[in-house]
Structures are given as structure tokens and as C-alpha cells.
Amino acid sequence: MPSFTVFKGTQNGSITKSSISKPDLQGDQVLLRVLASGLCGTDIHYRSTDMALGHEGIGVIESTGPDVRALKKGQRVGWGYNHDSCGHCVECLEGNDTYCANRAMYGMADLDQGSFASHAVWREAFLFPIPDALSNEEAAPLMCGGATVFNALHSYGLESTQIVGVIGVGGLGHLAIQFAAKMGCHVVVFSGTDSKKDEATRLGASEFIASKGAKELKTSRKVDHLVVTTSQLPNWDLYLPVLAPRATIYPLTVSEGDFSIPQMPFILNGTRIQGSVVAPRKTMVTMLDFAATHGIKPVIQKFPLSEKGITEAMDTLDQGKMRYRGVLLP
């Protein structure tokens, strides 16, 4: 019976250390020792909830259940936002397990364990081998942040000859720039000021536009795909004029509010708004391989995987001072 440490949120937002025990491994369950955990904006949302935190995990396998077929003890694997699905519905059979009605997602299921922990127990089917080219701390933020932007860019008809706009150079945006550039796209980055221009260019931006105080945005070419990664939705009056006919908008911002957009420009230009969550399993594997092949690596800040370290990392992210993904290390 595995017993291990987890770090939980509490009603007052403080981080507390706790211990849990799991039954002996059954089926395709795998016991992992955590090597690194990314910190995601979603973790901030659950900071005041009585649940184990963290969902960007990298671990090494310590033991396996009787039905584990592919993974081996000592192997390095990662996991992300979705932990399980039914395996039998149309969405699962088509490879879209993240849209399964019985999906087991972070914050909705398995509330007793997460990646802010010493160990975890997950199904083999939802664990992903980590390529040797990626270190633990580089791979961890890819398990949700990387998977989220890659899924938007990979799954909805993007072509290498098209123009990709990225709003925001932060935790998601700096990864979206890299993925889109390595896919062969012309990448236009929109940010409030010029302060991140040099870094955006280094990451792969072809153009950089500072939007704060602008009355009009001017790009060399119209944008075919616009990835919104900022914490607030943009001023659509500025951005709709730079979109190509039949462009697609991907609002990756996590917000509880309503999504609103000027109706006539939206209709007359044939604009599409595409909802998109974290990558399903096949796309996760593709993303990790793509990142390893093309040298896509997050810009990270490291913190100890402890009550104090998690608190410091969360405060840094909450204050907008993270550059650009926090990684917790035991």
C-alpha cells in the first residue's frame, strides 16, 4: 500500500503538507516518484480549494500494476491535466479523450493527489515517456502549458505558409511563439510594450507589435490564426482589423466571465472562434517528440517542492513576476 506526501490548497490560500495512502497497485496503475512539477495558472485557481495541487508532473516509475504492458521500472514519464477517460465513447475512439463525458481532469477528479507531491499513482494509459533530449525541468511545463498551445496550433488545420499571431509573451505565449515558428509559420507577436521584443525575436517571432495605447495595429500581412494567451481578453476593435478573412481565434485565457466580440466584423469576415483544451494523448506524444526534435524549451524559474517553495512560486506567478514558467523540484 503506497503512502506518500502531497501538498494541498486550503480555504485561506495557504499551502499545507499532507500524507495519503493508496491501495496496492491494480490493473495498469503505476507508482511514480516525482522528479519535477510545473506550476500552471490553473493551480492558482485551486489554491483555496481543499485538494492536492499540481498537474504538470515528471516522475520516475518505481513499481507497476499487473496489467502494465509498455512502461518499465526506472522509466521517466510525464502526466498532465487529464488522468482518465472511458475509452469507449465516440470521442475516445476518435482520439479525443479530453472531450470524453467521463474524463478525469485536474480539479474535477482525483482530488487526493497531484504533481505537488513526493509520489503519485496514475494509469499507464495516461502517462507519456519523456524524450532524452528534454530534462525534467524542461519537460514539466510542456505537460499542460506546452500541450495547450500545441494542441491549438496542431489540431485545427494550421499550415506552415500561414500567419500566426500570438497575444502575450508569458507562460503560454512564449511557448506558442516557439512552436509556431518551428512549424514554419510567420509569427506576429503582440505585447503591451517593447520590453519583451528582443526575447520574442529570439524565441522565433518574425514581427513584434507593442499594443499599449495604440489606436491601430499594423502587420505586414493579415493574421490567419490568432492565439490569445493573456489573462484578459483583448480589445477586439484593435485586433479584428488585422485578421485575414476566415481567420481563427483561439481564446486560451482561463476566465469565468463571458466571451464577447463585436458581431458584425466577426460575421462579415467569416471569423471562427475555436475552443481548445489541453492535448489528447496522441497529440501529447506528438508534442513531446516535436519539442525534443526542434529544441523547444520553456523559460523557467526554479523553486523547492515544499510548502515555502510552492507558496513563493504561486505568489510570484500571481503577481505577474514569473519568467515564464515556474518549476518545482524536490
Protein backbone atom coordinates (compact mmCIF):
# COMPACT_ATOMS: atom_id res chain seq x y z
CA MET A 1 0.00 0.00 0.00
CA PRO A 2 1.86 3.14 -1.22
CA SER A 3 1.91 6.12 1.16
CA PHE A 4 3.32 9.49 0.17
CA THR A 5 3.31 13.25 0.67
CA VAL A 6 1.05 15.70 -1.17
CA PHE A 7 0.74 19.48 -0.95
CA LYS A 8 -2.80 20.82 -0.78
CA GLY A 9 -4.64 24.09 -1.09
CA THR A 10 -6.70 25.42 1.81
CA GLN A 11 -9.63 27.79 2.20
CA ASN A 12 -7.36 30.68 3.21
CA GLY A 13 -4.97 30.06 0.29
CA SER A 14 -2.07 28.70 2.34
CA ILE A 15 -0.26 25.54 1.21
CA THR A 16 -0.29 22.59 3.58
CA LYS A 17 1.65 19.32 3.59
CA SER A 18 -0.35 16.12 3.97
CA SER A 19 0.04 12.36 3.63
CA ILE A 20 -2.16 9.90 1.74
CA SER A 21 -2.22 6.16 1.20
CA LYS A 22 -3.33 4.33 -1.93
CA PRO A 23 -4.41 0.69 -2.26
CA ASP A 24 -1.94 -1.80 -3.72
CA LEU A 25 -1.47 -1.22 -7.45
CA GLN A 26 -4.21 -2.71 -9.61
CA GLY A 27 -4.70 -3.03 -13.36
CA ASP A 28 -2.48 -0.66 -15.32
CA GLN A 29 -1.68 1.60 -12.36
CA VAL A 30 1.85 2.92 -11.98
CA LEU A 31 3.58 4.32 -8.87
CA LEU A 32 5.85 7.27 -9.66
CA ARG A 33 8.36 9.28 -7.67
CA VAL A 34 8.02 12.95 -8.61
CA LEU A 35 11.13 14.47 -10.20
CA ALA A 36 9.70 17.86 -11.17
CA SER A 37 6.39 19.70 -11.35
CA GLY A 38 5.43 22.69 -13.39
CA LEU A 39 3.28 25.47 -11.93
CA CYS A 40 0.30 26.49 -14.05
CA GLY A 41 -2.19 29.33 -13.76
CA THR A 42 -4.89 26.74 -13.08
CA ASP A 43 -3.09 25.82 -9.86
CA ILE A 44 -3.68 29.38 -8.66
CA HIS A 45 -7.42 28.93 -9.28
CA TYR A 46 -7.46 25.92 -6.94
CA ARG A 47 -5.17 27.38 -4.28
CA SER A 48 -8.17 27.98 -1.98
CA THR A 49 -9.64 24.52 -2.55
CA ASP A 50 -9.12 21.53 -0.24
CA MET A 51 -7.39 19.34 -2.82
CA ALA A 52 -3.93 18.14 -3.79
CA LEU A 53 -2.35 20.58 -6.25
CA GLY A 54 -0.29 20.29 -9.41
CA HIS A 55 -0.82 18.71 -12.82
CA GLU A 56 2.41 19.20 -14.81
CA GLY A 57 4.29 16.20 -13.49
CA ILE A 58 7.50 14.39 -14.39
CA GLY A 59 8.34 11.25 -12.47
CA VAL A 60 10.31 8.03 -12.49
CA ILE A 61 8.47 4.71 -12.26
CA GLU A 62 9.05 2.84 -9.00
CA SER A 63 6.56 -0.03 -9.45
CA THR A 64 3.83 -1.19 -11.80
CA GLY A 65 0.47 -2.93 -11.59
CA PRO A 66 -0.20 -6.41 -13.01
CA ASP A 67 -1.64 -5.17 -16.32
CA VAL A 68 1.04 -2.63 -17.22
CA ARG A 69 2.35 -3.58 -20.65
CA ALA A 70 4.71 -0.94 -22.05
CA LEU A 71 6.22 1.10 -19.23
CA LYS A 72 9.08 -0.21 -17.08
CA LYS A 73 10.50 0.45 -13.63
CA GLY A 74 13.07 3.24 -13.79
CA GLN A 75 11.50 4.85 -16.86
CA ARG A 76 10.90 8.61 -16.91
CA VAL A 77 7.35 9.69 -17.74
CA GLY A 78 5.08 12.71 -17.53
CA TRP A 79 1.41 13.41 -16.99
CA GLY A 80 -0.88 16.36 -17.45
CA TYR A 81 -4.38 17.70 -16.98
CA ASN A 82 -6.40 14.61 -17.92
CA HIS A 83 -5.92 11.38 -15.94
CA ASP A 84 -8.55 9.03 -17.37
CA SER A 85 -11.46 8.57 -19.76
CA CYS A 86 -13.99 5.86 -20.56
CA GLY A 87 -12.13 4.54 -23.62
CA HIS A 88 -15.35 3.51 -25.36
CA CYS A 89 -17.28 6.63 -26.43
CA VAL A 90 -17.00 8.25 -29.86
CA GLU A 91 -14.62 10.92 -28.58
CA CYS A 92 -12.28 8.36 -27.04
CA LEU A 93 -12.38 6.12 -30.11
CA GLU A 94 -11.55 9.09 -32.34
CA GLY A 95 -8.61 10.02 -30.13
CA ASN A 96 -10.26 12.98 -28.40
CA ASP A 97 -10.20 11.65 -24.85
CA THR A 98 -10.07 15.17 -23.40
CA TYR A 99 -13.69 15.61 -24.59
CA CYS A 100 -14.94 12.33 -23.12
CA ALA A 101 -18.02 12.84 -20.91
CA ASN A 102 -16.29 10.74 -18.25
CA ARG A 103 -12.87 12.42 -18.47
CA ALA A 104 -11.00 12.71 -15.18
CA MET A 105 -9.49 16.18 -15.27
CA TYR A 106 -7.48 18.12 -12.71
CA GLY A 107 -9.73 19.91 -10.24
CA MET A 108 -12.67 17.63 -11.11
CA ALA A 109 -11.35 14.16 -10.24
CA ASP A 110 -8.51 12.52 -8.30
CA LEU A 111 -8.51 15.39 -5.83
CA ASP A 112 -6.37 13.44 -3.36
CA GLN A 113 -3.18 13.57 -5.46
CA GLY A 114 -1.31 15.83 -7.86
CA SER A 115 2.18 16.68 -9.05
CA PHE A 116 2.98 18.82 -5.98
CA ALA A 117 3.89 15.62 -4.16
CA SER A 118 6.60 13.09 -3.43
CA HIS A 119 4.82 10.37 -5.43
CA ALA A 120 1.67 9.70 -7.45
CA VAL A 121 -0.33 6.75 -8.79
CA TRP A 122 -1.73 7.04 -12.33
CA ARG A 123 -2.90 4.78 -15.14
CA GLU A 124 -0.25 3.72 -17.63
CA ALA A 125 -2.60 4.78 -20.43
CA PHE A 126 -2.29 8.43 -19.37
CA LEU A 127 1.47 8.57 -18.84
CA PHE A 128 3.89 9.74 -21.52
CA PRO A 129 7.55 8.73 -21.92
CA ILE A 130 9.84 11.76 -21.83
CA PRO A 131 12.40 12.04 -24.66
CA ASP A 132 16.04 12.03 -23.57
CA ALA A 133 16.55 15.46 -25.15
CA LEU A 134 14.29 17.06 -22.53
CA SER A 135 15.38 17.45 -18.91
CA ASN A 136 12.90 17.05 -16.07
CA GLU A 137 12.52 20.79 -15.52
CA GLU A 138 12.20 21.46 -19.27
CA ALA A 139 9.58 18.76 -19.78
CA ALA A 140 7.33 19.62 -16.82
CA PRO A 141 5.81 22.86 -18.21
CA LEU A 142 5.13 21.13 -21.52
CA MET A 143 2.69 18.70 -19.89
CA CYS A 144 -0.03 21.36 -19.71
CA GLY A 145 1.25 24.74 -20.92
CA GLY A 146 3.03 23.28 -23.93
CA ALA A 147 0.26 20.79 -24.62
CA THR A 148 -2.37 23.53 -24.57
CA VAL A 149 -0.74 25.80 -27.16
CA PHE A 150 0.49 22.90 -29.29
CA ASN A 151 -2.99 21.41 -29.46
CA ALA A 152 -4.42 24.71 -30.72
CA LEU A 153 -1.71 25.05 -33.37
CA HIS A 154 -1.65 21.40 -34.41
CA SER A 155 -5.25 20.23 -34.44
CA TYR A 156 -7.28 22.78 -36.43
CA GLY A 157 -5.80 23.00 -39.91
CA LEU A 158 -2.81 25.31 -39.43
CA GLU A 159 -0.46 25.34 -42.43
CA SER A 160 3.21 26.33 -42.45
CA THR A 161 2.53 29.03 -45.05
CA GLN A 162 0.08 30.85 -42.78
CA ILE A 163 0.49 33.76 -40.39
CA VAL A 164 0.16 33.12 -36.64
CA GLY A 165 -0.49 35.93 -34.20
CA VAL A 166 0.30 35.44 -30.51
CA ILE A 167 -1.08 37.87 -27.95
CA GLY A 168 1.12 37.90 -24.85
CA VAL A 169 4.69 36.80 -24.09
CA GLY A 170 4.18 34.84 -20.88
CA GLY A 171 3.75 31.29 -19.66
CA LEU A 172 1.71 30.17 -22.68
CA GLY A 173 2.74 32.82 -25.18
CA HIS A 174 6.49 32.18 -25.09
CA LEU A 175 5.80 28.51 -25.90
CA ALA A 176 3.28 29.33 -28.63
CA ILE A 177 5.89 31.54 -30.34
CA GLN A 178 8.42 28.69 -30.38
CA PHE A 179 6.00 26.02 -31.61
CA ALA A 180 4.53 28.21 -34.36
CA ALA A 181 7.97 29.32 -35.57
CA LYS A 182 9.29 25.76 -35.68
CA MET A 183 6.17 24.73 -37.62
CA GLY A 184 7.39 27.11 -40.30
CA CYS A 185 4.90 29.91 -39.73
CA HIS A 186 5.44 33.66 -39.86
CA VAL A 187 4.81 34.66 -36.24
CA VAL A 188 3.47 38.08 -35.25
CA VAL A 189 3.73 38.79 -31.53
CA PHE A 190 1.53 41.38 -29.81
CA SER A 191 2.57 42.63 -26.38
CA GLY A 192 1.81 45.69 -24.31
CA THR A 193 5.22 47.33 -24.61
CA ASP A 194 8.55 46.81 -26.37
CA SER A 195 10.14 45.37 -23.21
CA LYS A 196 9.93 41.77 -24.47
CA LYS A 197 10.72 42.45 -28.14
CA ASP A 198 14.26 41.06 -28.09
CA GLU A 199 13.21 37.92 -26.25
CA ALA A 200 10.21 37.33 -28.54
CA THR A 201 12.51 37.67 -31.55
CA ARG A 202 14.97 35.20 -30.03
CA LEU A 203 12.11 32.74 -29.46
CA GLY A 204 11.10 32.94 -33.13
CA ALA A 205 8.89 36.00 -33.69
CA SER A 206 9.03 37.44 -37.20
CA GLU A 207 7.27 40.66 -36.16
CA PHE A 208 6.66 42.36 -32.83
CA ILE A 209 3.94 44.94 -32.20
CA ALA A 210 3.52 46.92 -28.98
CA SER A 211 -0.22 47.43 -28.48
CA LYS A 212 -0.47 49.63 -25.38
CA GLY A 213 -2.03 52.97 -26.27
CA ALA A 214 -2.25 52.08 -29.97
CA LYS A 215 -5.20 53.34 -31.96
CA GLU A 216 -4.45 50.90 -34.78
CA LEU A 217 -2.33 47.77 -35.24
CA LYS A 218 -0.36 47.34 -38.46
CA THR A 219 1.05 44.00 -39.56
CA SER A 220 2.94 43.18 -42.76
CA ARG A 221 0.35 40.51 -43.57
CA LYS A 222 -3.08 39.60 -42.26
CA VAL A 223 -3.17 37.04 -39.44
CA ASP A 224 -4.71 33.62 -40.18
CA HIS A 225 -4.58 32.19 -36.65
CA LEU A 226 -4.67 34.33 -33.50
CA VAL A 227 -3.66 32.67 -30.22
CA VAL A 228 -4.81 34.63 -27.16
CA THR A 229 -2.67 33.78 -24.12
CA THR A 230 -3.14 36.85 -21.90
CA SER A 231 -5.06 36.82 -18.62
CA GLN A 232 -7.62 39.24 -20.06
CA LEU A 233 -9.33 39.15 -23.43
CA PRO A 234 -8.01 41.80 -25.85
CA ASN A 235 -9.69 44.89 -27.27
CA TRP A 236 -11.26 43.29 -30.32
CA ASP A 237 -11.66 46.65 -32.05
CA LEU A 238 -7.86 46.66 -32.38
CA TYR A 239 -7.37 43.04 -33.38
CA LEU A 240 -10.25 42.19 -35.72
CA PRO A 241 -8.94 44.53 -38.48
CA VAL A 242 -5.61 42.63 -38.67
CA LEU A 243 -7.27 39.24 -39.16
CA ALA A 244 -7.40 37.59 -42.57
CA PRO A 245 -10.77 36.52 -43.98
CA ARG A 246 -11.90 33.27 -42.30
CA ALA A 247 -9.21 33.60 -39.63
CA THR A 248 -9.40 31.51 -36.46
CA ILE A 249 -9.17 32.87 -32.91
CA TYR A 250 -8.04 30.54 -30.09
CA PRO A 251 -9.00 32.06 -26.71
CA LEU A 252 -6.74 30.10 -24.37
CA THR A 253 -7.34 32.53 -21.50
CA VAL A 254 -8.76 30.81 -18.41
CA SER A 255 -11.66 33.03 -17.35
CA GLU A 256 -15.03 32.54 -15.70
CA GLY A 257 -16.54 35.54 -17.45
CA ASP A 258 -18.45 35.74 -20.73
CA PHE A 259 -16.76 35.80 -24.11
CA SER A 260 -17.94 38.75 -26.19
CA ILE A 261 -16.86 40.06 -29.58
CA PRO A 262 -18.22 42.72 -31.99
CA GLN A 263 -20.80 40.86 -34.02
CA MET A 264 -20.73 42.49 -37.48
CA PRO A 265 -16.95 42.36 -38.10
CA PHE A 266 -16.98 38.80 -36.81
CA ILE A 267 -19.76 37.78 -39.22
CA LEU A 268 -18.63 39.73 -42.28
CA ASN A 269 -15.07 38.39 -42.12
CA GLY A 270 -16.13 34.77 -41.57
CA THR A 271 -14.04 34.63 -38.40
CA ARG A 272 -14.04 31.40 -36.43
CA ILE A 273 -13.62 31.14 -32.66
CA GLN A 274 -12.15 27.78 -31.75
CA GLY A 275 -12.39 26.42 -28.22
CA SER A 276 -9.45 24.19 -27.35
CA VAL A 277 -8.31 22.44 -24.19
CA VAL A 278 -5.13 20.56 -23.35
CA ALA A 279 -3.93 18.00 -25.89
CA PRO A 280 -5.37 14.46 -26.04
CA ARG A 281 -2.96 11.55 -25.69
CA LYS A 282 -1.86 11.15 -29.32
CA THR A 283 -1.19 14.87 -29.59
CA MET A 284 0.70 14.82 -26.27
CA VAL A 285 3.11 12.24 -27.70
CA THR A 286 3.47 14.26 -30.90
CA MET A 287 4.09 17.46 -28.92
CA LEU A 288 6.86 15.92 -26.80
CA ASP A 289 8.55 14.47 -29.88
CA PHE A 290 8.25 17.80 -31.72
CA ALA A 291 9.67 19.74 -28.77
CA ALA A 292 12.60 17.35 -28.40
CA THR A 293 13.34 17.35 -32.15
CA HIS A 294 13.20 21.13 -32.56
CA GLY A 295 14.75 22.19 -29.27
CA ILE A 296 11.65 23.86 -27.87
CA LYS A 297 12.27 24.57 -24.20
CA PRO A 298 10.39 26.72 -21.71
CA VAL A 299 11.99 29.67 -19.96
CA ILE A 300 11.76 28.67 -16.30
CA GLN A 301 12.28 29.77 -12.71
CA LYS A 302 13.05 27.03 -10.19
CA PHE A 303 11.58 26.69 -6.69
CA PRO A 304 11.80 23.99 -3.98
CA LEU A 305 8.94 21.48 -3.89
CA SER A 306 7.98 22.41 -0.32
CA GLU A 307 5.31 24.44 1.44
CA LYS A 308 7.56 27.51 1.36
CA GLY A 309 8.70 26.94 -2.21
CA ILE A 310 5.19 26.38 -3.56
CA THR A 311 3.93 29.48 -1.77
CA GLU A 312 6.77 31.59 -3.18
CA ALA A 313 6.21 30.24 -6.69
CA MET A 314 2.46 30.86 -6.55
CA ASP A 315 2.94 34.38 -5.22
CA THR A 316 5.45 35.10 -7.98
CA LEU A 317 3.02 33.90 -10.64
CA ASP A 318 0.02 35.65 -9.07
CA GLN A 319 1.93 38.94 -9.03
CA GLY A 320 2.81 38.64 -12.71
CA LYS A 321 6.54 38.32 -12.00
CA MET A 322 7.12 34.76 -13.26
CA ARG A 323 9.51 34.42 -16.21
CA TYR A 324 7.82 32.45 -17.64
CA ARG A 325 7.01 29.05 -16.12
CA GLY A 326 7.64 28.05 -12.53
CA VAL A 327 9.13 24.60 -11.91
CA LEU A 328 9.14 22.90 -8.50
CA LEU A 329 11.97 20.49 -7.75
CA PRO A 330 12.25 18.07 -4.79
